[in-house]
């Protein structure tokens, strides 16, 4: 595999811990970004992602990790199913992108939610900001752990507890009939223990 001359001049290639495979992956990412920055419409951008070497490499790595059996071998059927799910999500994103002419607006809608993405039947996944002014028969508010909600990192960057409390109010008042509030006590992957949000205490739901 040959590297482009402009890529070969990048100082990252001199990093002492960079392997050959790592350099190949970075070159794939370099080629991907080189073309991606010229693409204007979100649907074309997602097409570029799905057909890129870097996405294929990531999908391969993820599908292998998700199909390793207890003895360390790879379940090929499970791997194929995992890879198929990854690409299926990519095609779903492409369908969602068809309503947007601007990649910036599409990315904002994905990050913050939008009315366009909350129409129709089924489950609507929305940020609390995007849910303002909307109502649903049933609402599930998740991640109600101290540190996550209220979000301590955002508060350190200039946010306030009062603003987080207002967001909690917005979230809980979106429900017409049923409101479900949940939090995790332990993250098995990160091995982190959590305590419930102080907002649940303020609401008299947890003692």
N, C-alpha and C. Protein backbone atom coordinates (compact mmCIF):
# COMPACT_ATOMS: atom_id res chain seq x y z
N UNK A 1 0.84 -1.20 0.00
CA UNK A 1 0.00 0.00 0.00
C UNK A 1 0.88 1.25 0.00
N UNK A 2 0.68 2.13 -1.00
CA UNK A 2 1.49 3.33 -1.10
C UNK A 2 0.81 4.51 -0.43
N UNK A 3 1.62 5.34 0.25
CA UNK A 3 1.08 6.53 0.89
C UNK A 3 1.24 7.73 -0.03
N UNK A 4 0.28 8.65 0.03
CA UNK A 4 0.38 9.87 -0.75
C UNK A 4 1.53 10.71 -0.21
N UNK A 5 2.21 11.41 -1.11
CA UNK A 5 3.41 12.16 -0.73
C UNK A 5 3.11 13.22 0.34
N UNK A 6 1.97 13.89 0.22
CA UNK A 6 1.62 14.92 1.19
C UNK A 6 1.40 14.32 2.58
N UNK A 7 0.85 13.10 2.62
CA UNK A 7 0.62 12.43 3.90
C UNK A 7 1.95 12.02 4.53
N UNK A 8 2.91 11.63 3.71
CA UNK A 8 4.21 11.17 4.22
C UNK A 8 4.98 12.28 4.96
N UNK A 9 4.63 13.53 4.70
CA UNK A 9 5.33 14.63 5.36
C UNK A 9 4.71 14.97 6.72
N UNK A 10 3.62 14.26 7.10
CA UNK A 10 2.96 14.56 8.37
C UNK A 10 3.82 14.10 9.54
N UNK A 11 4.05 14.96 10.51
CA UNK A 11 4.92 14.63 11.65
C UNK A 11 4.40 13.48 12.52
N UNK A 12 3.12 13.16 12.43
CA UNK A 12 2.59 12.08 13.26
C UNK A 12 3.22 10.74 12.91
N UNK A 13 3.72 10.62 11.69
CA UNK A 13 4.35 9.37 11.27
C UNK A 13 5.67 9.11 11.99
N UNK A 14 6.19 10.12 12.67
CA UNK A 14 7.44 9.97 13.42
C UNK A 14 7.20 9.53 14.86
N UNK A 15 5.93 9.36 15.22
CA UNK A 15 5.62 8.95 16.59
C UNK A 15 6.21 7.56 16.86
N UNK A 16 7.00 7.40 17.92
CA UNK A 16 7.70 6.13 18.16
C UNK A 16 6.79 4.92 18.39
N UNK A 17 5.53 5.15 18.81
CA UNK A 17 4.63 4.03 19.10
C UNK A 17 3.67 3.73 17.95
N UNK A 18 3.85 4.42 16.83
CA UNK A 18 2.96 4.20 15.69
C UNK A 18 3.37 2.95 14.92
N UNK A 19 2.44 2.00 14.80
CA UNK A 19 2.72 0.76 14.08
C UNK A 19 2.41 0.95 12.59
N UNK A 20 2.79 -0.04 11.79
CA UNK A 20 2.51 0.00 10.35
C UNK A 20 1.00 0.01 10.11
N UNK A 21 0.28 -0.85 10.86
CA UNK A 21 -1.17 -0.90 10.72
C UNK A 21 -1.80 0.44 11.13
N UNK A 22 -1.24 1.06 12.17
CA UNK A 22 -1.73 2.35 12.61
C UNK A 22 -1.52 3.41 11.55
N UNK A 23 -0.36 3.37 10.89
CA UNK A 23 -0.07 4.33 9.82
C UNK A 23 -1.01 4.13 8.64
N UNK A 24 -1.33 2.88 8.33
CA UNK A 24 -2.26 2.59 7.24
C UNK A 24 -3.65 3.14 7.54
N UNK A 25 -4.06 2.95 8.80
CA UNK A 25 -5.39 3.45 9.19
C UNK A 25 -5.42 4.98 9.11
N UNK A 26 -4.36 5.64 9.58
CA UNK A 26 -4.31 7.09 9.52
C UNK A 26 -4.34 7.59 8.08
N UNK A 27 -3.69 6.84 7.20
CA UNK A 27 -3.70 7.21 5.78
C UNK A 27 -5.10 7.09 5.20
N UNK A 28 -5.81 6.03 5.60
CA UNK A 28 -7.20 5.87 5.17
C UNK A 28 -8.05 7.05 5.66
N UNK A 29 -7.82 7.44 6.91
CA UNK A 29 -8.57 8.56 7.50
C UNK A 29 -8.21 9.86 6.80
N UNK A 30 -6.95 10.03 6.47
CA UNK A 30 -6.48 11.22 5.75
C UNK A 30 -7.19 11.33 4.40
N UNK A 31 -7.25 10.23 3.66
CA UNK A 31 -7.90 10.24 2.35
C UNK A 31 -9.40 10.51 2.49
N UNK A 32 -10.00 9.93 3.54
CA UNK A 32 -11.42 10.15 3.78
C UNK A 32 -11.71 11.63 4.04
N UNK A 33 -10.94 12.25 4.94
CA UNK A 33 -11.17 13.66 5.29
C UNK A 33 -10.85 14.59 4.12
N UNK A 34 -9.88 14.23 3.32
CA UNK A 34 -9.48 15.06 2.18
C UNK A 34 -10.66 15.27 1.23
N UNK A 35 -11.45 14.22 1.04
CA UNK A 35 -12.61 14.31 0.14
C UNK A 35 -13.86 14.76 0.89
N UNK A 36 -13.99 14.40 2.16
CA UNK A 36 -15.19 14.72 2.92
C UNK A 36 -15.39 16.23 3.07
N UNK A 37 -14.29 16.96 3.20
CA UNK A 37 -14.40 18.41 3.40
C UNK A 37 -14.97 19.13 2.17
N UNK A 38 -14.99 18.44 1.02
CA UNK A 38 -15.52 19.07 -0.21
C UNK A 38 -17.00 18.77 -0.41
N UNK A 39 -17.55 17.87 0.39
CA UNK A 39 -18.93 17.43 0.20
C UNK A 39 -19.87 18.35 0.98
N UNK A 40 -20.90 18.82 0.30
CA UNK A 40 -21.80 19.79 0.92
C UNK A 40 -23.08 19.17 1.48
N UNK A 41 -23.69 18.23 0.77
CA UNK A 41 -24.98 17.70 1.22
C UNK A 41 -24.77 16.52 2.17
N UNK A 42 -25.59 16.39 3.22
CA UNK A 42 -25.41 15.32 4.20
C UNK A 42 -25.59 13.92 3.62
N UNK A 43 -26.50 13.77 2.66
CA UNK A 43 -26.71 12.44 2.09
C UNK A 43 -25.47 11.98 1.31
N UNK A 44 -24.85 12.90 0.58
CA UNK A 44 -23.62 12.57 -0.14
C UNK A 44 -22.48 12.27 0.83
N UNK A 45 -22.47 13.01 1.94
CA UNK A 45 -21.43 12.80 2.95
C UNK A 45 -21.55 11.40 3.56
N UNK A 46 -22.78 10.97 3.86
CA UNK A 46 -22.99 9.65 4.44
C UNK A 46 -22.65 8.56 3.44
N UNK A 47 -22.96 8.80 2.17
CA UNK A 47 -22.56 7.85 1.12
C UNK A 47 -21.05 7.70 1.10
N UNK A 48 -20.36 8.83 1.24
CA UNK A 48 -18.89 8.82 1.27
C UNK A 48 -18.37 8.04 2.48
N UNK A 49 -19.03 8.22 3.62
CA UNK A 49 -18.65 7.50 4.84
C UNK A 49 -18.80 5.99 4.63
N UNK A 50 -19.98 5.59 4.15
CA UNK A 50 -20.29 4.16 4.01
C UNK A 50 -19.38 3.45 3.00
N UNK A 51 -18.90 4.17 2.02
CA UNK A 51 -18.05 3.56 1.00
C UNK A 51 -16.56 3.71 1.29
N UNK A 52 -16.21 4.35 2.41
CA UNK A 52 -14.80 4.61 2.71
C UNK A 52 -14.10 3.41 3.33
N UNK A 53 -12.79 3.36 3.15
CA UNK A 53 -11.96 2.30 3.74
C UNK A 53 -11.94 2.42 5.26
N UNK A 54 -11.95 3.66 5.75
CA UNK A 54 -11.84 3.86 7.20
C UNK A 54 -13.10 3.37 7.91
N UNK A 55 -14.27 3.59 7.32
CA UNK A 55 -15.51 3.09 7.93
C UNK A 55 -15.55 1.57 7.87
N UNK A 56 -15.11 1.02 6.78
CA UNK A 56 -15.07 -0.44 6.64
C UNK A 56 -14.15 -1.06 7.68
N UNK A 57 -13.02 -0.41 7.94
CA UNK A 57 -12.07 -0.91 8.94
C UNK A 57 -12.67 -0.84 10.33
N UNK A 58 -13.35 0.25 10.63
CA UNK A 58 -14.00 0.40 11.94
C UNK A 58 -15.11 -0.63 12.12
N UNK A 59 -15.90 -0.83 11.07
CA UNK A 59 -16.99 -1.81 11.12
C UNK A 59 -16.43 -3.21 11.35
N UNK A 60 -15.30 -3.51 10.72
CA UNK A 60 -14.67 -4.81 10.88
C UNK A 60 -14.21 -5.01 12.33
N UNK A 61 -13.55 -4.01 12.88
CA UNK A 61 -13.06 -4.09 14.26
C UNK A 61 -14.21 -4.26 15.25
N UNK A 62 -15.26 -3.46 15.08
CA UNK A 62 -16.40 -3.52 15.99
C UNK A 62 -17.14 -4.85 15.89
N UNK A 63 -17.33 -5.33 14.67
CA UNK A 63 -18.07 -6.58 14.48
C UNK A 63 -17.30 -7.77 15.04
N UNK A 64 -15.96 -7.71 14.97
CA UNK A 64 -15.15 -8.78 15.56
C UNK A 64 -15.28 -8.75 17.09
N UNK A 65 -15.18 -7.55 17.67
CA UNK A 65 -15.28 -7.43 19.13
C UNK A 65 -16.63 -7.90 19.65
N UNK A 66 -17.67 -7.71 18.85
CA UNK A 66 -19.02 -8.07 19.27
C UNK A 66 -19.36 -9.54 19.01
N UNK A 67 -18.40 -10.28 18.48
CA UNK A 67 -18.69 -11.68 18.14
C UNK A 67 -17.65 -12.66 18.70
N UNK A 68 -16.84 -12.19 19.65
CA UNK A 68 -15.83 -13.07 20.26
C UNK A 68 -16.49 -13.98 21.29
N UNK A 69 -16.25 -15.27 21.15
CA UNK A 69 -16.82 -16.25 22.07
C UNK A 69 -15.94 -16.37 23.32
N UNK A 70 -16.41 -17.14 24.29
CA UNK A 70 -15.69 -17.28 25.56
C UNK A 70 -14.30 -17.87 25.38
N UNK A 71 -14.13 -18.72 24.36
CA UNK A 71 -12.82 -19.33 24.14
C UNK A 71 -11.87 -18.45 23.33
N UNK A 72 -12.33 -17.23 22.99
CA UNK A 72 -11.49 -16.29 22.25
C UNK A 72 -11.64 -16.34 20.74
N UNK A 73 -12.35 -17.35 20.22
CA UNK A 73 -12.56 -17.44 18.78
C UNK A 73 -13.71 -16.52 18.36
N UNK A 74 -13.79 -16.31 17.06
CA UNK A 74 -14.82 -15.40 16.51
C UNK A 74 -15.96 -16.21 15.91
N UNK A 75 -17.17 -15.88 16.32
CA UNK A 75 -18.37 -16.48 15.76
C UNK A 75 -18.67 -15.75 14.45
N UNK A 76 -18.38 -16.39 13.33
CA UNK A 76 -18.49 -15.74 12.02
C UNK A 76 -19.92 -15.30 11.70
N UNK A 77 -20.90 -16.10 12.10
CA UNK A 77 -22.29 -15.73 11.85
C UNK A 77 -22.66 -14.47 12.64
N UNK A 78 -22.24 -14.44 13.91
CA UNK A 78 -22.52 -13.28 14.76
C UNK A 78 -21.78 -12.05 14.25
N UNK A 79 -20.57 -12.27 13.74
CA UNK A 79 -19.79 -11.17 13.18
C UNK A 79 -20.49 -10.56 11.97
N UNK A 80 -21.00 -11.42 11.08
CA UNK A 80 -21.70 -10.94 9.89
C UNK A 80 -22.96 -10.16 10.26
N UNK A 81 -23.65 -10.64 11.28
CA UNK A 81 -24.87 -9.96 11.74
C UNK A 81 -24.52 -8.60 12.34
N UNK A 82 -23.42 -8.55 13.12
CA UNK A 82 -23.00 -7.29 13.73
C UNK A 82 -22.60 -6.27 12.66
N UNK A 83 -21.89 -6.74 11.66
CA UNK A 83 -21.46 -5.85 10.56
C UNK A 83 -22.68 -5.33 9.79
N UNK A 84 -23.64 -6.23 9.58
CA UNK A 84 -24.86 -5.85 8.87
C UNK A 84 -25.63 -4.78 9.64
N UNK A 85 -25.68 -4.91 10.97
CA UNK A 85 -26.38 -3.92 11.79
C UNK A 85 -25.70 -2.55 11.71
N UNK A 86 -24.37 -2.56 11.68
CA UNK A 86 -23.62 -1.31 11.61
C UNK A 86 -23.95 -0.56 10.31
N UNK A 87 -23.93 -1.30 9.19
CA UNK A 87 -24.21 -0.67 7.90
C UNK A 87 -25.68 -0.28 7.77
N UNK A 88 -26.55 -1.07 8.42
CA UNK A 88 -27.98 -0.75 8.38
C UNK A 88 -28.24 0.59 9.05
N UNK A 89 -27.53 0.85 10.16
CA UNK A 89 -27.67 2.14 10.83
C UNK A 89 -27.17 3.28 9.94
N UNK A 90 -26.13 2.99 9.17
CA UNK A 90 -25.60 3.98 8.24
C UNK A 90 -26.62 4.34 7.17
N UNK A 91 -27.31 3.34 6.65
CA UNK A 91 -28.33 3.58 5.63
C UNK A 91 -29.55 4.29 6.22
N UNK A 92 -29.84 4.03 7.49
CA UNK A 92 -30.92 4.75 8.16
C UNK A 92 -30.57 6.23 8.27
N UNK A 93 -29.31 6.52 8.61
CA UNK A 93 -28.86 7.91 8.67
C UNK A 93 -28.99 8.58 7.31
N UNK A 94 -28.68 7.83 6.25
CA UNK A 94 -28.77 8.39 4.90
C UNK A 94 -30.21 8.76 4.57
N UNK A 95 -31.15 7.92 5.00
CA UNK A 95 -32.57 8.22 4.78
C UNK A 95 -32.99 9.47 5.54
N UNK A 96 -32.52 9.59 6.80
CA UNK A 96 -32.84 10.78 7.60
C UNK A 96 -32.24 12.04 6.98
N UNK A 97 -31.07 11.89 6.35
CA UNK A 97 -30.37 13.04 5.79
C UNK A 97 -31.05 13.60 4.55
N UNK A 98 -31.92 12.81 3.94
CA UNK A 98 -32.55 13.24 2.69
C UNK A 98 -33.39 14.51 2.85
N UNK A 99 -33.80 14.82 4.08
CA UNK A 99 -34.63 16.02 4.33
C UNK A 99 -33.79 17.28 4.50
N UNK A 100 -32.47 17.15 4.48
CA UNK A 100 -31.59 18.28 4.77
C UNK A 100 -30.68 18.60 3.58
N UNK A 101 -30.60 19.89 3.25
CA UNK A 101 -29.69 20.33 2.18
C UNK A 101 -28.32 20.68 2.74
N UNK A 102 -28.26 20.98 4.05
CA UNK A 102 -27.02 21.41 4.69
C UNK A 102 -26.54 20.36 5.68
N UNK A 103 -25.26 19.99 5.58
CA UNK A 103 -24.68 19.03 6.52
C UNK A 103 -24.66 19.59 7.93
N UNK A 104 -24.46 20.91 8.04
CA UNK A 104 -24.42 21.54 9.36
C UNK A 104 -25.78 21.41 10.06
N UNK A 105 -26.86 21.67 9.32
CA UNK A 105 -28.20 21.56 9.91
C UNK A 105 -28.53 20.11 10.29
N UNK A 106 -28.08 19.19 9.45
CA UNK A 106 -28.33 17.78 9.73
C UNK A 106 -27.60 17.33 11.00
N UNK A 107 -26.33 17.73 11.13
CA UNK A 107 -25.55 17.37 12.31
C UNK A 107 -26.12 18.01 13.57
N UNK A 108 -26.60 19.25 13.45
CA UNK A 108 -27.24 19.90 14.59
C UNK A 108 -28.51 19.16 15.01
N UNK A 109 -29.27 18.70 14.01
CA UNK A 109 -30.50 17.97 14.30
C UNK A 109 -30.20 16.65 14.99
N UNK A 110 -29.12 15.99 14.57
CA UNK A 110 -28.73 14.73 15.20
C UNK A 110 -28.28 14.95 16.64
N UNK A 111 -27.56 16.03 16.85
CA UNK A 111 -27.01 16.31 18.18
C UNK A 111 -28.07 16.81 19.16
N UNK A 112 -28.88 17.76 18.69
CA UNK A 112 -29.84 18.41 19.58
C UNK A 112 -31.26 17.90 19.41
N UNK A 113 -31.51 17.13 18.34
CA UNK A 113 -32.87 16.68 18.06
C UNK A 113 -33.59 17.73 17.23
N UNK A 114 -34.69 17.37 16.60
CA UNK A 114 -35.47 18.32 15.82
C UNK A 114 -36.87 17.79 15.64
N UNK A 115 -37.78 18.69 15.28
CA UNK A 115 -39.16 18.26 15.05
C UNK A 115 -39.25 17.29 13.89
N UNK A 116 -38.39 17.47 12.87
CA UNK A 116 -38.42 16.57 11.71
C UNK A 116 -38.11 15.14 12.11
N UNK A 117 -37.27 14.98 13.15
CA UNK A 117 -36.88 13.65 13.57
C UNK A 117 -37.80 13.09 14.66
N UNK A 118 -38.83 13.82 15.00
CA UNK A 118 -39.73 13.34 16.04
C UNK A 118 -41.14 13.10 15.52
N UNK A 119 -41.31 13.06 14.19
CA UNK A 119 -42.62 12.85 13.61
C UNK A 119 -42.86 11.38 13.35
N UNK A 120 -44.16 11.01 13.25
CA UNK A 120 -44.50 9.64 12.90
C UNK A 120 -44.67 8.75 14.10
N UNK A 121 -44.95 7.48 13.82
CA UNK A 121 -45.16 6.51 14.89
C UNK A 121 -43.82 5.99 15.42
N UNK A 122 -43.89 5.34 16.58
CA UNK A 122 -42.68 4.73 17.13
C UNK A 122 -42.08 5.57 18.24
N UNK A 123 -40.84 5.25 18.59
CA UNK A 123 -40.15 5.94 19.69
C UNK A 123 -39.39 7.14 19.13
N UNK A 124 -39.56 8.28 19.75
CA UNK A 124 -38.83 9.49 19.35
C UNK A 124 -37.69 9.72 20.33
N UNK A 125 -36.47 9.76 19.80
CA UNK A 125 -35.29 10.00 20.64
C UNK A 125 -34.91 11.47 20.52
N UNK A 126 -35.09 12.21 21.62
CA UNK A 126 -34.87 13.65 21.58
C UNK A 126 -34.00 14.11 22.74
N UNK A 127 -33.26 15.19 22.48
CA UNK A 127 -32.61 15.87 23.61
C UNK A 127 -33.69 16.66 24.34
N UNK A 128 -33.42 17.05 25.57
CA UNK A 128 -34.41 17.82 26.32
C UNK A 128 -34.65 19.17 25.66
N UNK A 129 -33.59 19.78 25.15
CA UNK A 129 -33.75 21.07 24.47
C UNK A 129 -34.71 20.96 23.30
N UNK A 130 -34.58 19.87 22.53
CA UNK A 130 -35.42 19.70 21.34
C UNK A 130 -36.86 19.35 21.69
N UNK A 131 -37.09 18.91 22.93
CA UNK A 131 -38.45 18.49 23.33
C UNK A 131 -39.30 19.67 23.80
N UNK A 132 -38.71 20.83 23.93
CA UNK A 132 -39.46 22.00 24.42
C UNK A 132 -40.66 22.27 23.52
N UNK A 133 -41.82 22.44 24.13
CA UNK A 133 -43.02 22.74 23.37
C UNK A 133 -43.74 21.51 22.85
N UNK A 134 -43.15 20.33 23.02
CA UNK A 134 -43.76 19.10 22.53
C UNK A 134 -44.34 18.30 23.70
N UNK A 135 -45.31 17.45 23.40
CA UNK A 135 -45.88 16.57 24.41
C UNK A 135 -46.05 15.18 23.83
N UNK A 136 -45.89 14.16 24.70
CA UNK A 136 -46.04 12.78 24.28
C UNK A 136 -46.84 12.02 25.33
N UNK A 137 -47.53 10.97 24.88
CA UNK A 137 -48.33 10.18 25.81
C UNK A 137 -47.46 9.57 26.91
N UNK A 138 -46.31 9.02 26.51
CA UNK A 138 -45.37 8.45 27.46
C UNK A 138 -43.99 9.06 27.25
N UNK A 139 -43.31 9.34 28.32
CA UNK A 139 -41.97 9.92 28.25
C UNK A 139 -41.03 9.14 29.17
N UNK A 140 -39.84 8.82 28.66
CA UNK A 140 -38.81 8.14 29.44
C UNK A 140 -37.63 9.10 29.56
N UNK A 141 -37.28 9.45 30.78
CA UNK A 141 -36.11 10.29 31.02
C UNK A 141 -35.04 9.39 31.64
N UNK A 142 -33.91 9.27 30.95
CA UNK A 142 -32.87 8.34 31.40
C UNK A 142 -31.63 9.09 31.90
N UNK A 143 -30.68 8.33 32.42
CA UNK A 143 -29.40 8.90 32.87
C UNK A 143 -29.54 9.87 34.04
N UNK A 144 -30.50 9.62 34.91
CA UNK A 144 -30.71 10.52 36.04
C UNK A 144 -29.76 10.18 37.19
N UNK A 145 -28.45 10.29 36.88
CA UNK A 145 -27.42 10.06 37.88
C UNK A 145 -26.73 11.40 38.19
N UNK A 146 -26.30 11.55 39.42
CA UNK A 146 -25.56 12.75 39.79
C UNK A 146 -24.26 12.77 38.98
N UNK A 147 -24.00 13.88 38.34
CA UNK A 147 -22.84 13.99 37.47
C UNK A 147 -23.24 13.96 36.00
N UNK A 148 -24.31 13.22 35.72
CA UNK A 148 -24.83 13.16 34.35
C UNK A 148 -26.01 14.12 34.20
N UNK A 149 -26.85 14.16 35.22
CA UNK A 149 -28.00 15.07 35.23
C UNK A 149 -28.30 15.41 36.69
N UNK A 150 -27.81 16.50 37.23
CA UNK A 150 -27.16 17.60 36.53
C UNK A 150 -25.79 17.22 35.97
N UNK A 151 -25.48 17.82 34.83
CA UNK A 151 -24.22 17.54 34.15
C UNK A 151 -23.12 18.41 34.76
N UNK A 152 -22.29 17.78 35.59
CA UNK A 152 -21.26 18.54 36.31
C UNK A 152 -20.21 19.13 35.36
N UNK A 153 -19.91 18.42 34.26
CA UNK A 153 -18.89 18.93 33.33
C UNK A 153 -19.36 20.23 32.67
N UNK A 154 -20.64 20.26 32.27
CA UNK A 154 -21.17 21.48 31.67
C UNK A 154 -21.21 22.61 32.68
N UNK A 155 -21.51 22.28 33.91
CA UNK A 155 -21.56 23.31 34.95
C UNK A 155 -20.19 23.92 35.18
N UNK A 156 -19.14 23.10 35.06
CA UNK A 156 -17.77 23.60 35.24
C UNK A 156 -17.37 24.54 34.11
N UNK A 157 -18.07 24.41 32.95
CA UNK A 157 -17.75 25.25 31.79
C UNK A 157 -18.64 26.48 31.70
N UNK A 158 -19.36 26.78 32.78
CA UNK A 158 -20.16 28.00 32.78
C UNK A 158 -21.64 27.78 32.98
N UNK A 159 -22.09 26.54 33.01
CA UNK A 159 -23.50 26.27 33.24
C UNK A 159 -23.83 26.44 34.72
N UNK A 160 -25.10 26.24 35.06
CA UNK A 160 -25.51 26.40 36.44
C UNK A 160 -26.46 25.29 36.86
N UNK A 161 -26.52 25.05 38.15
CA UNK A 161 -27.43 24.05 38.68
C UNK A 161 -28.87 24.45 38.40
N UNK A 162 -29.16 25.73 38.45
CA UNK A 162 -30.52 26.21 38.20
C UNK A 162 -30.96 25.90 36.77
N UNK A 163 -30.04 26.07 35.81
CA UNK A 163 -30.36 25.76 34.41
C UNK A 163 -30.62 24.27 34.24
N UNK A 164 -29.81 23.44 34.91
CA UNK A 164 -30.02 22.00 34.85
C UNK A 164 -31.36 21.62 35.48
N UNK A 165 -31.72 22.31 36.55
CA UNK A 165 -33.00 22.05 37.21
C UNK A 165 -34.17 22.42 36.29
N UNK A 166 -34.03 23.51 35.55
CA UNK A 166 -35.07 23.91 34.59
C UNK A 166 -35.22 22.87 33.49
N UNK A 167 -34.09 22.31 33.04
CA UNK A 167 -34.14 21.27 32.02
C UNK A 167 -34.85 20.02 32.54
N UNK A 168 -34.61 19.70 33.82
CA UNK A 168 -35.30 18.56 34.43
C UNK A 168 -36.80 18.80 34.43
N UNK A 169 -37.19 20.03 34.74
CA UNK A 169 -38.62 20.38 34.73
C UNK A 169 -39.20 20.23 33.33
N UNK A 170 -38.47 20.72 32.33
CA UNK A 170 -38.93 20.60 30.94
C UNK A 170 -39.13 19.13 30.57
N UNK A 171 -38.14 18.31 30.90
CA UNK A 171 -38.20 16.88 30.55
C UNK A 171 -39.41 16.20 31.18
N UNK A 172 -39.64 16.47 32.46
CA UNK A 172 -40.71 15.76 33.17
C UNK A 172 -42.11 16.25 32.79
N UNK A 173 -42.20 17.45 32.26
CA UNK A 173 -43.52 17.99 31.90
C UNK A 173 -43.88 17.75 30.44
N UNK A 174 -43.08 16.94 29.74
CA UNK A 174 -43.42 16.59 28.35
C UNK A 174 -44.45 15.45 28.31
N UNK A 175 -44.65 14.76 29.43
CA UNK A 175 -45.51 13.57 29.45
C UNK A 175 -46.97 13.94 29.68
N UNK A 176 -47.85 13.37 28.84
CA UNK A 176 -49.29 13.57 29.02
C UNK A 176 -49.85 12.59 30.05
N UNK A 177 -49.50 11.31 29.91
CA UNK A 177 -50.10 10.27 30.76
C UNK A 177 -49.10 9.57 31.67
N UNK A 178 -47.98 9.12 31.09
CA UNK A 178 -47.03 8.31 31.85
C UNK A 178 -45.62 8.89 31.77
N UNK A 179 -44.96 8.99 32.93
CA UNK A 179 -43.59 9.49 32.98
C UNK A 179 -42.72 8.43 33.68
N UNK A 180 -41.65 8.02 33.01
CA UNK A 180 -40.74 7.03 33.57
C UNK A 180 -39.38 7.71 33.79
N UNK A 181 -38.87 7.64 35.01
CA UNK A 181 -37.57 8.22 35.34
C UNK A 181 -36.63 7.09 35.74
N UNK A 182 -35.44 7.07 35.16
CA UNK A 182 -34.53 5.96 35.47
C UNK A 182 -33.09 6.44 35.61
N UNK A 183 -32.33 5.65 36.37
CA UNK A 183 -30.90 5.92 36.50
C UNK A 183 -30.17 4.60 36.74
N UNK A 184 -28.90 4.58 36.38
CA UNK A 184 -28.08 3.38 36.56
C UNK A 184 -27.29 3.50 37.85
N UNK A 185 -27.18 2.39 38.56
CA UNK A 185 -26.38 2.39 39.79
C UNK A 185 -24.92 2.04 39.50
N UNK A 186 -24.70 1.34 38.36
CA UNK A 186 -23.32 0.89 38.09
C UNK A 186 -23.12 0.71 36.59
N UNK A 187 -22.00 1.18 36.08
CA UNK A 187 -21.61 1.00 34.69
C UNK A 187 -20.61 -0.15 34.62
N UNK A 188 -21.04 -1.29 34.07
CA UNK A 188 -20.18 -2.47 34.04
C UNK A 188 -18.98 -2.31 33.13
N UNK A 189 -19.14 -1.51 32.07
CA UNK A 189 -18.03 -1.33 31.12
C UNK A 189 -16.96 -0.40 31.71
N UNK A 190 -17.39 0.76 32.22
CA UNK A 190 -16.44 1.72 32.79
C UNK A 190 -16.11 1.43 34.25
N UNK A 191 -16.89 0.48 34.85
CA UNK A 191 -16.69 0.11 36.26
C UNK A 191 -16.80 1.34 37.17
N UNK A 192 -17.89 2.09 36.95
CA UNK A 192 -18.15 3.30 37.74
C UNK A 192 -19.48 3.13 38.47
N UNK A 193 -19.49 3.46 39.76
CA UNK A 193 -20.73 3.45 40.53
C UNK A 193 -21.36 4.84 40.49
N UNK A 194 -22.68 4.88 40.46
CA UNK A 194 -23.39 6.16 40.40
C UNK A 194 -24.36 6.30 41.57
N UNK A 195 -24.67 7.53 41.91
CA UNK A 195 -25.76 7.82 42.84
C UNK A 195 -26.84 8.56 42.06
N UNK A 196 -28.05 8.54 42.58
CA UNK A 196 -29.16 9.15 41.88
C UNK A 196 -29.01 10.67 41.83
N UNK A 197 -29.69 11.29 40.88
CA UNK A 197 -29.67 12.74 40.73
C UNK A 197 -30.31 13.41 41.94
N UNK A 198 -29.74 14.52 42.38
CA UNK A 198 -30.36 15.25 43.49
C UNK A 198 -31.76 15.77 43.14
N UNK A 199 -32.05 15.87 41.83
CA UNK A 199 -33.38 16.32 41.42
C UNK A 199 -34.45 15.31 41.82
N UNK A 200 -34.09 14.03 41.87
CA UNK A 200 -35.04 13.01 42.28
C UNK A 200 -35.35 13.14 43.77
N UNK A 201 -34.34 13.58 44.53
CA UNK A 201 -34.55 13.82 45.96
C UNK A 201 -35.45 15.04 46.15
N UNK A 202 -35.17 16.10 45.40
CA UNK A 202 -35.96 17.34 45.48
C UNK A 202 -37.41 17.08 45.13
N UNK A 203 -37.64 16.13 44.20
CA UNK A 203 -39.00 15.80 43.78
C UNK A 203 -39.69 14.85 44.75
N UNK A 204 -38.96 14.39 45.77
CA UNK A 204 -39.53 13.50 46.76
C UNK A 204 -39.68 12.06 46.27
N UNK A 205 -38.94 11.72 45.20
CA UNK A 205 -39.06 10.38 44.61
C UNK A 205 -38.03 9.41 45.18
N UNK A 206 -36.93 9.96 45.71
CA UNK A 206 -35.87 9.14 46.30
C UNK A 206 -35.48 9.77 47.63
N UNK A 207 -35.23 8.95 48.62
CA UNK A 207 -34.87 9.47 49.95
C UNK A 207 -33.40 9.20 50.25
